[in-house]
Each structure stands twice: as C-alpha cells, then as structure tokens.
Amino acid sequence: MSDPKLSEISGVGPATARLLADSGFASVESVAQAAPGELARVPGFGEARAAAVIAAAVSLQSRGKAPGSVAKPEKTKKKADKDKKDKKKEKKGKGKGKKKDSKKKKKKKKKK
C-alpha cells in the first residue's frame, strides 16, 4: 500500500495540501504528528481546524495498520485544561452525581 497524499486527508484539498507542504508538512505522517499549535501557524488554520485536520490525518494513517498501532492526537490546551478542572471537581465532590445523592438523602429523611 502506498503512502496517502495530503489531499486525501478529510478537509484538505489541493490548495491546502500545497500550503501544508510549503509550510513544512510534506506528508500525512508529518501532519498526524504535529501539535495543533504548529499546524495553526499555516495560513488559513486556527487551533480548531488544526486539531480536526490532525485527527483526520491520524485516522487516514491508521487505515490498513494493525489495531493498537494508532498514535492518539495530542489534546489541545483548552481540552487538557478542562479535563484537569473536571478531575479536581470530582476529587472535591463537586462533580456530576453530587446533586442526585443529596436528593436521595432528603427523600430518605422525609420517609423516616
């Protein structure tokens, strides 16, 4: 199987493929391994588009490979920060499900 072309990445047409190549991303592999911030420096790319194109490149690259050999794309800083906040809330007991527990306790007290 031959290596996929940049224009085979979902959301990348011939013009964008040329922009990527001119910016140093000459292969699907180089796009798949890039951080969103690096790809966002390419004209016409922001963080969101960069993350979507990276994910599409990883997906394209993984076709035909053995299961488990796919590299996960890096999380964007915004997503990573949100995950950290969610974990802190769970540790403090402010995560999801807290209200449900307190409602159950109130119902039990009323029944007694």
PDB file of N, CA and C in Angstrom:
ATOM      1  N   MET A   1       0.838  -1.182   0.000  1.00  0.00           N
ATOM      2  CA  MET A   1       0.000   0.000   0.000  1.00  0.00           C
ATOM      3  C   MET A   1       0.882   1.243   0.000  1.00  0.00           C
ATOM      4  N   SER A   2       0.619   2.201  -0.893  1.00  0.00           N
ATOM      5  CA  SER A   2       1.430   3.407  -0.965  1.00  0.00           C
ATOM      6  C   SER A   2       0.996   4.402   0.102  1.00  0.00           C
ATOM      7  N   ASP A   3       1.885   5.329   0.412  1.00  0.00           N
ATOM      8  CA  ASP A   3       1.578   6.342   1.413  1.00  0.00           C
ATOM      9  C   ASP A   3       0.471   7.254   0.907  1.00  0.00           C
ATOM     10  N   PRO A   4      -0.464   7.617   1.779  1.00  0.00           N
ATOM     11  CA  PRO A   4      -1.541   8.519   1.358  1.00  0.00           C
ATOM     12  C   PRO A   4      -1.003   9.925   1.085  1.00  0.00           C
ATOM     13  N   LYS A   5      -1.709  10.652   0.232  1.00  0.00           N
ATOM     14  CA  LYS A   5      -1.324  12.020  -0.118  1.00  0.00           C
ATOM     15  C   LYS A   5      -2.007  12.992   0.833  1.00  0.00           C
ATOM     16  N   LEU A   6      -1.436  14.188   0.979  1.00  0.00           N
ATOM     17  CA  LEU A   6      -2.021  15.208   1.838  1.00  0.00           C
ATOM     18  C   LEU A   6      -3.462  15.519   1.449  1.00  0.00           C
ATOM     19  N   SER A   7      -3.742  15.524   0.151  1.00  0.00           N
ATOM     20  CA  SER A   7      -5.094  15.865  -0.308  1.00  0.00           C
ATOM     21  C   SER A   7      -6.117  14.779   0.023  1.00  0.00           C
ATOM     22  N   GLU A   8      -5.662  13.624   0.509  1.00  0.00           N
ATOM     23  CA  GLU A   8      -6.572  12.564   0.925  1.00  0.00           C
ATOM     24  C   GLU A   8      -7.063  12.761   2.360  1.00  0.00           C
ATOM     25  N   ILE A   9      -6.457  13.691   3.082  1.00  0.00           N
ATOM     26  CA  ILE A   9      -6.897  13.997   4.448  1.00  0.00           C
ATOM     27  C   ILE A   9      -8.235  14.720   4.344  1.00  0.00           C
ATOM     28  N   SER A  10      -9.191  14.299   5.142  1.00  0.00           N
ATOM     29  CA  SER A  10     -10.507  14.938   5.152  1.00  0.00           C
ATOM     30  C   SER A  10     -10.355  16.418   5.499  1.00  0.00           C
ATOM     31  N   GLY A  11     -10.912  17.287   4.669  1.00  0.00           N
ATOM     32  CA  GLY A  11     -10.834  18.728   4.896  1.00  0.00           C
ATOM     33  C   GLY A  11      -9.644  19.394   4.244  1.00  0.00           C
ATOM     34  N   VAL A  12      -8.848  18.622   3.513  1.00  0.00           N
ATOM     35  CA  VAL A  12      -7.678  19.172   2.838  1.00  0.00           C
ATOM     36  C   VAL A  12      -7.819  18.942   1.338  1.00  0.00           C
ATOM     37  N   GLY A  13      -7.903  20.034   0.614  1.00  0.00           N
ATOM     38  CA  GLY A  13      -7.967  19.958  -0.845  1.00  0.00           C
ATOM     39  C   GLY A  13      -6.602  20.233  -1.440  1.00  0.00           C
ATOM     40  N   PRO A  14      -6.508  20.318  -2.757  1.00  0.00           N
ATOM     41  CA  PRO A  14      -5.213  20.549  -3.406  1.00  0.00           C
ATOM     42  C   PRO A  14      -4.519  21.840  -2.965  1.00  0.00           C
ATOM     43  N   ALA A  15      -5.271  22.933  -2.835  1.00  0.00           N
ATOM     44  CA  ALA A  15      -4.661  24.210  -2.435  1.00  0.00           C
ATOM     45  C   ALA A  15      -4.116  24.141  -1.009  1.00  0.00           C
ATOM     46  N   THR A  16      -4.891  23.550  -0.113  1.00  0.00           N
ATOM     47  CA  THR A  16      -4.453  23.420   1.277  1.00  0.00           C
ATOM     48  C   THR A  16      -3.268  22.465   1.379  1.00  0.00           C
ATOM     49  N   ALA A  17      -3.273  21.428   0.556  1.00  0.00           N
ATOM     50  CA  ALA A  17      -2.142  20.485   0.541  1.00  0.00           C
ATOM     51  C   ALA A  17      -0.864  21.217   0.149  1.00  0.00           C
ATOM     52  N   ARG A  18      -0.962  22.124  -0.832  1.00  0.00           N
ATOM     53  CA  ARG A  18       0.219  22.907  -1.232  1.00  0.00           C
ATOM     54  C   ARG A  18       0.669  23.812  -0.096  1.00  0.00           C
ATOM     55  N   LEU A  19      -0.284  24.458   0.592  1.00  0.00           N
ATOM     56  CA  LEU A  19       0.058  25.315   1.734  1.00  0.00           C
ATOM     57  C   LEU A  19       0.772  24.512   2.828  1.00  0.00           C
ATOM     58  N   LEU A  20       0.238  23.333   3.119  1.00  0.00           N
ATOM     59  CA  LEU A  20       0.855  22.480   4.140  1.00  0.00           C
ATOM     60  C   LEU A  20       2.280  22.105   3.742  1.00  0.00           C
ATOM     61  N   ALA A  21       2.434  21.677   2.491  1.00  0.00           N
ATOM     62  CA  ALA A  21       3.761  21.275   2.005  1.00  0.00           C
ATOM     63  C   ALA A  21       4.737  22.447   2.040  1.00  0.00           C
ATOM     64  N   ASP A  22       4.269  23.619   1.633  1.00  0.00           N
ATOM     65  CA  ASP A  22       5.126  24.808   1.643  1.00  0.00           C
ATOM     66  C   ASP A  22       5.498  25.234   3.058  1.00  0.00           C
ATOM     67  N   SER A  23       4.679  24.838   4.024  1.00  0.00           N
ATOM     68  CA  SER A  23       4.928  25.185   5.428  1.00  0.00           C
ATOM     69  C   SER A  23       5.712  24.103   6.176  1.00  0.00           C
ATOM     70  N   GLY A  24       6.155  23.077   5.453  1.00  0.00           N
ATOM     71  CA  GLY A  24       6.996  22.050   6.068  1.00  0.00           C
ATOM     72  C   GLY A  24       6.278  20.763   6.427  1.00  0.00           C
ATOM     73  N   PHE A  25       4.999  20.668   6.105  1.00  0.00           N
ATOM     74  CA  PHE A  25       4.238  19.445   6.376  1.00  0.00           C
ATOM     75  C   PHE A  25       4.026  18.723   5.048  1.00  0.00           C
ATOM     76  N   ALA A  26       5.044  17.966   4.636  1.00  0.00           N
ATOM     77  CA  ALA A  26       5.042  17.363   3.303  1.00  0.00           C
ATOM     78  C   ALA A  26       4.372  16.006   3.237  1.00  0.00           C
ATOM     79  N   SER A  27       4.028  15.422   4.378  1.00  0.00           N
ATOM     80  CA  SER A  27       3.422  14.091   4.359  1.00  0.00           C
ATOM     81  C   SER A  27       2.263  14.009   5.359  1.00  0.00           C
ATOM     82  N   VAL A  28       1.421  13.005   5.172  1.00  0.00           N
ATOM     83  CA  VAL A  28       0.322  12.758   6.101  1.00  0.00           C
ATOM     84  C   VAL A  28       0.902  12.478   7.482  1.00  0.00           C
ATOM     85  N   GLU A  29       2.000  11.754   7.526  1.00  0.00           N
ATOM     86  CA  GLU A  29       2.643  11.432   8.799  1.00  0.00           C
ATOM     87  C   GLU A  29       3.087  12.696   9.535  1.00  0.00           C
ATOM     88  N   SER A  30       3.666  13.662   8.819  1.00  0.00           N
ATOM     89  CA  SER A  30       4.120  14.896   9.471  1.00  0.00           C
ATOM     90  C   SER A  30       2.942  15.693  10.022  1.00  0.00           C
ATOM     91  N   VAL A  31       1.806  15.660   9.331  1.00  0.00           N
ATOM     92  CA  VAL A  31       0.601  16.341   9.829  1.00  0.00           C
ATOM     93  C   VAL A  31       0.062  15.601  11.050  1.00  0.00           C
ATOM     94  N   ALA A  32       0.026  14.278  10.986  1.00  0.00           N
ATOM     95  CA  ALA A  32      -0.504  13.471  12.088  1.00  0.00           C
ATOM     96  C   ALA A  32       0.316  13.644  13.363  1.00  0.00           C
ATOM     97  N   GLN A  33       1.609  13.889  13.228  1.00  0.00           N
ATOM     98  CA  GLN A  33       2.480  14.020  14.391  1.00  0.00           C
ATOM     99  C   GLN A  33       2.617  15.455  14.885  1.00  0.00           C
ATOM    100  N   ALA A  34       2.030  16.407  14.167  1.00  0.00           N
ATOM    101  CA  ALA A  34       2.139  17.813  14.538  1.00  0.00           C
ATOM    102  C   ALA A  34       1.234  18.141  15.723  1.00  0.00           C
ATOM    103  N   ALA A  35       1.625  19.134  16.466  1.00  0.00           N
ATOM    104  CA  ALA A  35       0.778  19.670  17.531  1.00  0.00           C
ATOM    105  C   ALA A  35      -0.159  20.700  16.900  1.00  0.00           C
ATOM    106  N   PRO A  36      -1.356  20.861  17.439  1.00  0.00           N
ATOM    107  CA  PRO A  36      -2.282  21.834  16.859  1.00  0.00           C
ATOM    108  C   PRO A  36      -1.686  23.246  16.739  1.00  0.00           C
ATOM    109  N   GLY A  37      -0.878  23.640  17.705  1.00  0.00           N
ATOM    110  CA  GLY A  37      -0.250  24.963  17.666  1.00  0.00           C
ATOM    111  C   GLY A  37       0.695  25.124  16.493  1.00  0.00           C
ATOM    112  N   GLU A  38       1.396  24.041  16.146  1.00  0.00           N
ATOM    113  CA  GLU A  38       2.306  24.089  14.994  1.00  0.00           C
ATOM    114  C   GLU A  38       1.526  24.249  13.700  1.00  0.00           C
ATOM    115  N   LEU A  39       0.482  23.464  13.565  1.00  0.00           N
ATOM    116  CA  LEU A  39      -0.318  23.489  12.341  1.00  0.00           C
ATOM    117  C   LEU A  39      -1.112  24.797  12.240  1.00  0.00           C
ATOM    118  N   ALA A  40      -1.435  25.399  13.370  1.00  0.00           N
ATOM    119  CA  ALA A  40      -2.197  26.652  13.374  1.00  0.00           C
ATOM    120  C   ALA A  40      -1.396  27.803  12.775  1.00  0.00           C
ATOM    121  N   ARG A  41      -0.094  27.637  12.639  1.00  0.00           N
ATOM    122  CA  ARG A  41       0.740  28.675  12.017  1.00  0.00           C
ATOM    123  C   ARG A  41       0.607  28.699  10.499  1.00  0.00           C
ATOM    124  N   VAL A  42       0.042  27.654   9.927  1.00  0.00           N
ATOM    125  CA  VAL A  42      -0.172  27.594   8.476  1.00  0.00           C
ATOM    126  C   VAL A  42      -1.309  28.561   8.138  1.00  0.00           C
ATOM    127  N   PRO A  43      -1.135  29.397   7.101  1.00  0.00           N
ATOM    128  CA  PRO A  43      -2.202  30.340   6.739  1.00  0.00           C
ATOM    129  C   PRO A  43      -3.535  29.619   6.500  1.00  0.00           C
ATOM    130  N   GLY A  44      -4.601  30.150   7.090  1.00  0.00           N
ATOM    131  CA  GLY A  44      -5.924  29.562   6.934  1.00  0.00           C
ATOM    132  C   GLY A  44      -6.273  28.540   8.002  1.00  0.00           C
ATOM    133  N   PHE A  45      -5.351  28.308   8.929  1.00  0.00           N
ATOM    134  CA  PHE A  45      -5.580  27.346  10.005  1.00  0.00           C
ATOM    135  C   PHE A  45      -5.661  28.062  11.338  1.00  0.00           C
ATOM    136  N   GLY A  46      -6.605  27.642  12.146  1.00  0.00           N
ATOM    137  CA  GLY A  46      -6.677  28.053  13.543  1.00  0.00           C
ATOM    138  C   GLY A  46      -6.503  26.795  14.371  1.00  0.00           C
ATOM    139  N   GLU A  47      -6.608  26.931  15.679  1.00  0.00           N
ATOM    140  CA  GLU A  47      -6.436  25.765  16.563  1.00  0.00           C
ATOM    141  C   GLU A  47      -7.474  24.676  16.268  1.00  0.00           C
ATOM    142  N   ALA A  48      -8.737  25.087  16.068  1.00  0.00           N
ATOM    143  CA  ALA A  48      -9.805  24.094  15.854  1.00  0.00           C
ATOM    144  C   ALA A  48      -9.608  23.341  14.546  1.00  0.00           C
ATOM    145  N   ARG A  49      -9.329  24.067  13.470  1.00  0.00           N
ATOM    146  CA  ARG A  49      -9.124  23.399  12.180  1.00  0.00           C
ATOM    147  C   ARG A  49      -7.881  22.519  12.236  1.00  0.00           C
ATOM    148  N   ALA A  50      -6.839  23.008  12.879  1.00  0.00           N
ATOM    149  CA  ALA A  50      -5.608  22.230  13.005  1.00  0.00           C
ATOM    150  C   ALA A  50      -5.876  20.911  13.717  1.00  0.00           C
ATOM    151  N   ALA A  51      -6.624  20.973  14.823  1.00  0.00           N
ATOM    152  CA  ALA A  51      -6.933  19.751  15.578  1.00  0.00           C
ATOM    153  C   ALA A  51      -7.762  18.783  14.735  1.00  0.00           C
ATOM    154  N   ALA A  52      -8.718  19.310  13.969  1.00  0.00           N
ATOM    155  CA  ALA A  52      -9.565  18.454  13.126  1.00  0.00           C
ATOM    156  C   ALA A  52      -8.750  17.794  12.012  1.00  0.00           C
ATOM    157  N   VAL A  53      -7.852  18.549  11.396  1.00  0.00           N
ATOM    158  CA  VAL A  53      -7.028  18.005  10.307  1.00  0.00           C
ATOM    159  C   VAL A  53      -6.035  16.978  10.855  1.00  0.00           C
ATOM    160  N   ILE A  54      -5.491  17.238  12.035  1.00  0.00           N
ATOM    161  CA  ILE A  54      -4.570  16.272  12.654  1.00  0.00           C
ATOM    162  C   ILE A  54      -5.309  14.964  12.932  1.00  0.00           C
ATOM    163  N   ALA A  55      -6.504  15.070  13.495  1.00  0.00           N
ATOM    164  CA  ALA A  55      -7.295  13.868  13.779  1.00  0.00           C
ATOM    165  C   ALA A  55      -7.609  13.105  12.493  1.00  0.00           C
ATOM    166  N   ALA A  56      -7.931  13.839  11.424  1.00  0.00           N
ATOM    167  CA  ALA A  56      -8.228  13.195  10.140  1.00  0.00           C
ATOM    168  C   ALA A  56      -6.976  12.530   9.566  1.00  0.00           C
ATOM    169  N   ALA A  57      -5.816  13.160   9.761  1.00  0.00           N
ATOM    170  CA  ALA A  57      -4.558  12.579   9.279  1.00  0.00           C
ATOM    171  C   ALA A  57      -4.222  11.301  10.043  1.00  0.00           C
ATOM    172  N   VAL A  58      -4.444  11.327  11.352  1.00  0.00           N
ATOM    173  CA  VAL A  58      -4.200  10.135  12.177  1.00  0.00           C
ATOM    174  C   VAL A  58      -5.120   9.008  11.724  1.00  0.00           C
ATOM    175  N   SER A  59      -6.374   9.340  11.480  1.00  0.00           N
ATOM    176  CA  SER A  59      -7.353   8.351  11.032  1.00  0.00           C
ATOM    177  C   SER A  59      -6.955   7.772   9.675  1.00  0.00           C
ATOM    178  N   LEU A  60      -6.566   8.637   8.755  1.00  0.00           N
ATOM    179  CA  LEU A  60      -6.148   8.191   7.426  1.00  0.00           C
ATOM    180  C   LEU A  60      -4.915   7.300   7.519  1.00  0.00           C
ATOM    181  N   GLN A  61      -3.999   7.691   8.370  1.00  0.00           N
ATOM    182  CA  GLN A  61      -2.760   6.929   8.545  1.00  0.00           C
ATOM    183  C   GLN A  61      -3.026   5.547   9.135  1.00  0.00           C
ATOM    184  N   SER A  62      -4.037   5.448   9.992  1.00  0.00           N
ATOM    185  CA  SER A  62      -4.297   4.194  10.694  1.00  0.00           C
ATOM    186  C   SER A  62      -4.991   3.158   9.825  1.00  0.00           C
ATOM    187  N   ARG A  63      -5.585   3.567   8.724  1.00  0.00           N
ATOM    188  CA  ARG A  63      -6.250   2.598   7.845  1.00  0.00           C
ATOM    189  C   ARG A  63      -5.236   1.594   7.323  1.00  0.00           C
ATOM    190  N   GLY A  64      -5.556   0.339   7.494  1.00  0.00           N
ATOM    191  CA  GLY A  64      -4.666  -0.710   6.988  1.00  0.00           C
ATOM    192  C   GLY A  64      -3.578  -1.123   7.950  1.00  0.00           C
ATOM    193  N   LYS A  65      -3.476  -0.451   9.097  1.00  0.00           N
ATOM    194  CA  LYS A  65      -2.480  -0.837  10.094  1.00  0.00           C
ATOM    195  C   LYS A  65      -3.110  -1.763  11.111  1.00  0.00           C
ATOM    196  N   ALA A  66      -2.285  -2.467  11.837  1.00  0.00           N
ATOM    197  CA  ALA A  66      -2.762  -3.383  12.867  1.00  0.00           C
ATOM    198  C   ALA A  66      -3.442  -2.606  13.990  1.00  0.00           C
ATOM    199  N   PRO A  67      -4.499  -3.148  14.575  1.00  0.00           N
ATOM    200  CA  PRO A  67      -5.164  -2.472  15.683  1.00  0.00           C
ATOM    201  C   PRO A  67      -4.196  -2.210  16.835  1.00  0.00           C
ATOM    202  N   GLY A  68      -4.334  -1.079  17.445  1.00  0.00           N
ATOM    203  CA  GLY A  68      -3.467  -0.731  18.562  1.00  0.00           C
ATOM    204  C   GLY A  68      -2.213   0.004  18.158  1.00  0.00           C
ATOM    205  N   SER A  69      -1.967   0.162  16.850  1.00  0.00           N
ATOM    206  CA  SER A  69      -0.753   0.834  16.418  1.00  0.00           C
ATOM    207  C   SER A  69      -0.989   2.296  16.091  1.00  0.00           C
ATOM    208  N   VAL A  70      -2.167   2.798  16.404  1.00  0.00           N
ATOM    209  CA  VAL A  70      -2.520   4.172  16.076  1.00  0.00           C
ATOM    210  C   VAL A  70      -2.062   5.104  17.184  1.00  0.00           C
ATOM    211  N   ALA A  71      -1.386   6.168  16.802  1.00  0.00           N
ATOM    212  CA  ALA A  71      -0.992   7.170  17.768  1.00  0.00           C
ATOM    213  C   ALA A  71      -2.154   8.123  17.976  1.00  0.00           C
ATOM    214  N   LYS A  72      -2.425   8.462  19.229  1.00  0.00           N
ATOM    215  CA  LYS A  72      -3.517   9.383  19.514  1.00  0.00           C
ATOM    216  C   LYS A  72      -3.036  10.810  19.277  1.00  0.00           C
ATOM    217  N   PRO A  73      -3.911  11.654  18.711  1.00  0.00           N
ATOM    218  CA  PRO A  73      -3.514  13.053  18.544  1.00  0.00           C
ATOM    219  C   PRO A  73      -3.434  13.723  19.916  1.00  0.00           C
ATOM    220  N   GLU A  74      -2.569  14.717  20.029  1.00  0.00           N
ATOM    221  CA  GLU A  74      -2.430  15.421  21.296  1.00  0.00           C
ATOM    222  C   GLU A  74      -3.692  16.215  21.590  1.00  0.00           C
ATOM    223  N   LYS A  75      -4.006  16.340  22.862  1.00  0.00           N
ATOM    224  CA  LYS A  75      -5.143  17.151  23.253  1.00  0.00           C
ATOM    225  C   LYS A  75      -4.770  18.614  23.080  1.00  0.00           C
ATOM    226  N   THR A  76      -5.749  19.412  22.715  1.00  0.00           N
ATOM    227  CA  THR A  76      -5.499  20.839  22.665  1.00  0.00           C
ATOM    228  C   THR A  76      -5.379  21.339  24.093  1.00  0.00           C
ATOM    229  N   LYS A  77      -4.734  22.471  24.278  1.00  0.00           N
ATOM    230  CA  LYS A  77      -4.534  23.014  25.619  1.00  0.00           C
ATOM    231  C   LYS A  77      -5.875  23.258  26.297  1.00  0.00           C
ATOM    232  N   LYS A  78      -6.844  23.754  25.551  1.00  0.00           N
ATOM    233  CA  LYS A  78      -8.164  24.035  26.113  1.00  0.00           C
ATOM    234  C   LYS A  78      -8.818  22.755  26.644  1.00  0.00           C
ATOM    235  N   LYS A  79      -8.743  21.676  25.866  1.00  0.00           N
ATOM    236  CA  LYS A  79      -9.335  20.399  26.266  1.00  0.00           C
ATOM    237  C   LYS A  79      -8.596  19.833  27.481  1.00  0.00           C
ATOM    238  N   ALA A  80      -7.272  19.930  27.483  1.00  0.00           N
ATOM    239  CA  ALA A  80      -6.477  19.414  28.598  1.00  0.00           C
ATOM    240  C   ALA A  80      -6.800  20.175  29.885  1.00  0.00           C
ATOM    241  N   ASP A  81      -6.951  21.511  29.784  1.00  0.00           N
ATOM    242  CA  ASP A  81      -7.292  22.307  30.957  1.00  0.00           C
ATOM    243  C   ASP A  81      -8.664  21.933  31.495  1.00  0.00           C
ATOM    244  N   LYS A  82      -9.634  21.708  30.603  1.00  0.00           N
ATOM    245  CA  LYS A  82     -10.985  21.334  31.017  1.00  0.00           C
ATOM    246  C   LYS A  82     -10.958  19.992  31.741  1.00  0.00           C
ATOM    247  N   ASP A  83     -10.186  19.041  31.199  1.00  0.00           N
ATOM    248  CA  ASP A  83     -10.081  17.732  31.841  1.00  0.00           C
ATOM    249  C   ASP A  83      -9.497  17.855  33.256  1.00  0.00           C
ATOM    250  N   LYS A  84      -8.506  18.727  33.431  1.00  0.00           N
ATOM    251  CA  LYS A  84      -7.909  18.919  34.756  1.00  0.00           C
ATOM    252  C   LYS A  84      -8.929  19.489  35.736  1.00  0.00           C
ATOM    253  N   LYS A  85      -9.712  20.470  35.271  1.00  0.00           N
ATOM    254  CA  LYS A  85     -10.729  21.074  36.134  1.00  0.00           C
ATOM    255  C   LYS A  85     -11.774  20.049  36.541  1.00  0.00           C
ATOM    256  N   ASP A  86     -12.186  19.216  35.579  1.00  0.00           N
ATOM    257  CA  ASP A  86     -13.180  18.179  35.877  1.00  0.00           C
ATOM    258  C   ASP A  86     -12.658  17.196  36.930  1.00  0.00           C
ATOM    259  N   LYS A  87     -11.395  16.827  36.826  1.00  0.00           N
ATOM    260  CA  LYS A  87     -10.819  15.900  37.788  1.00  0.00           C
ATOM    261  C   LYS A  87     -10.765  16.517  39.182  1.00  0.00           C
ATOM    262  N   LYS A  88     -10.432  17.814  39.237  1.00  0.00           N
ATOM    263  CA  LYS A  88     -10.386  18.499  40.536  1.00  0.00           C
ATOM    264  C   LYS A  88     -11.772  18.541  41.164  1.00  0.00           C
ATOM    265  N   LYS A  89     -12.793  18.817  40.348  1.00  0.00           N
ATOM    266  CA  LYS A  89     -14.169  18.858  40.860  1.00  0.00           C
ATOM    267  C   LYS A  89     -14.578  17.506  41.423  1.00  0.00           C
ATOM    268  N   GLU A  90     -14.210  16.428  40.717  1.00  0.00           N
ATOM    269  CA  GLU A  90     -14.558  15.087  41.176  1.00  0.00           C
ATOM    270  C   GLU A  90     -13.904  14.782  42.514  1.00  0.00           C
ATOM    271  N   LYS A  91     -12.658  15.220  42.684  1.00  0.00           N
ATOM    272  CA  LYS A  91     -11.954  14.977  43.940  1.00  0.00           C
ATOM    273  C   LYS A  91     -12.602  15.729  45.091  1.00  0.00           C
ATOM    274  N   LYS A  92     -13.076  16.943  44.818  1.00  0.00           N
ATOM    275  CA  LYS A  92     -13.697  17.754  45.852  1.00  0.00           C
ATOM    276  C   LYS A  92     -15.138  17.345  46.108  1.00  0.00           C
ATOM    277  N   GLY A  93     -15.665  16.474  45.277  1.00  0.00           N
ATOM    278  CA  GLY A  93     -17.049  16.050  45.452  1.00  0.00           C
ATOM    279  C   GLY A  93     -18.036  16.964  44.759  1.00  0.00           C
ATOM    280  N   LYS A  94     -17.533  17.817  43.885  1.00  0.00           N
ATOM    281  CA  LYS A  94     -18.412  18.736  43.176  1.00  0.00           C
ATOM    282  C   LYS A  94     -18.716  18.251  41.768  1.00  0.00           C
ATOM    283  N   GLY A  95     -18.354  17.046  41.481  1.00  0.00           N
ATOM    284  CA  GLY A  95     -18.572  16.511  40.137  1.00  0.00           C
ATOM    285  C   GLY A  95     -20.005  16.089  39.915  1.00  0.00           C
ATOM    286  N   LYS A  96     -20.239  15.527  38.775  1.00  0.00           N
ATOM    287  CA  LYS A  96     -21.579  15.061  38.416  1.00  0.00           C
ATOM    288  C   LYS A  96     -22.031  13.985  39.402  1.00  0.00           C
ATOM    289  N   GLY A  97     -23.309  13.944  39.668  1.00  0.00           N
ATOM    290  CA  GLY A  97     -23.858  12.931  40.562  1.00  0.00           C
ATOM    291  C   GLY A  97     -23.997  13.404  41.996  1.00  0.00           C
ATOM    292  N   LYS A  98     -23.385  14.498  42.345  1.00  0.00           N
ATOM    293  CA  LYS A  98     -23.451  15.015  43.714  1.00  0.00           C
ATOM    294  C   LYS A  98     -24.876  15.403  44.080  1.00  0.00           C
ATOM    295  N   LYS A  99     -25.572  16.097  43.175  1.00  0.00           N
ATOM    296  CA  LYS A  99     -26.936  16.537  43.455  1.00  0.00           C
ATOM    297  C   LYS A  99     -27.877  15.352  43.605  1.00  0.00           C
ATOM    298  N   LYS A 100     -27.681  14.336  42.804  1.00  0.00           N
ATOM    299  CA  LYS A 100     -28.541  13.154  42.881  1.00  0.00           C
ATOM    300  C   LYS A 100     -28.447  12.519  44.262  1.00  0.00           C
ATOM    301  N   ASP A 101     -27.233  12.426  44.787  1.00  0.00           N
ATOM    302  CA  ASP A 101     -27.040  11.822  46.103  1.00  0.00           C
ATOM    303  C   ASP A 101     -27.744  12.634  47.182  1.00  0.00           C
ATOM    304  N   SER A 102     -27.640  13.943  47.136  1.00  0.00           N
ATOM    305  CA  SER A 102     -28.264  14.770  48.161  1.00  0.00           C
ATOM    306  C   SER A 102     -29.783  14.689  48.076  1.00  0.00           C
ATOM    307  N   LYS A 103     -30.343  14.569  46.884  1.00  0.00           N
ATOM    308  CA  LYS A 103     -31.786  14.421  46.723  1.00  0.00           C
ATOM    309  C   LYS A 103     -32.260  13.104  47.329  1.00  0.00           C
ATOM    310  N   LYS A 104     -31.500  12.052  47.147  1.00  0.00           N
ATOM    311  CA  LYS A 104     -31.851  10.748  47.705  1.00  0.00           C
ATOM    312  C   LYS A 104     -31.860  10.817  49.232  1.00  0.00           C
ATOM    313  N   LYS A 105     -30.879  11.509  49.804  1.00  0.00           N
ATOM    314  CA  LYS A 105     -30.797  11.625  51.259  1.00  0.00           C
ATOM    315  C   LYS A 105     -31.989  12.383  51.811  1.00  0.00           C
ATOM    316  N   LYS A 106     -32.413  13.448  51.104  1.00  0.00           N
ATOM    317  CA  LYS A 106     -33.565  14.226  51.547  1.00  0.00           C
ATOM    318  C   LYS A 106     -34.831  13.381  51.526  1.00  0.00           C
ATOM    319  N   LYS A 107     -34.989  12.572  50.494  1.00  0.00           N
ATOM    320  CA  LYS A 107     -36.164  11.700  50.390  1.00  0.00           C
ATOM    321  C   LYS A 107     -36.185  10.694  51.535  1.00  0.00           C
ATOM    322  N   LYS A 108     -35.033  10.130  51.874  1.00  0.00           N
ATOM    323  CA  LYS A 108     -34.949   9.156  52.963  1.00  0.00           C
ATOM    324  C   LYS A 108     -35.317   9.800  54.291  1.00  0.00           C
ATOM    325  N   LYS A 109     -34.857  11.040  54.499  1.00  0.00           N
ATOM    326  CA  LYS A 109     -35.158  11.728  55.748  1.00  0.00           C
ATOM    327  C   LYS A 109     -36.648  12.002  55.881  1.00  0.00           C
ATOM    328  N   LYS A 110     -37.300  12.360  54.763  1.00  0.00           N
ATOM    329  CA  LYS A 110     -38.744  12.637  54.787  1.00  0.00           C
ATOM    330  C   LYS A 110     -39.533  11.378  55.093  1.00  0.00           C
ATOM    331  N   LYS A 111     -39.089  10.236  54.601  1.00  0.00           N
ATOM    332  CA  LYS A 111     -39.786   8.977  54.828  1.00  0.00           C
ATOM    333  C   LYS A 111     -39.726   8.562  56.284  1.00  0.00           C
ATOM    334  N   LYS A 112     -38.672   8.889  56.981  1.00  0.00           N
ATOM    335  CA  LYS A 112     -38.487   8.498  58.382  1.00  0.00           C
ATOM    336  C   LYS A 112     -39.383   9.311  59.227  1.00  0.00           C
TER     337      LYS A 112
END
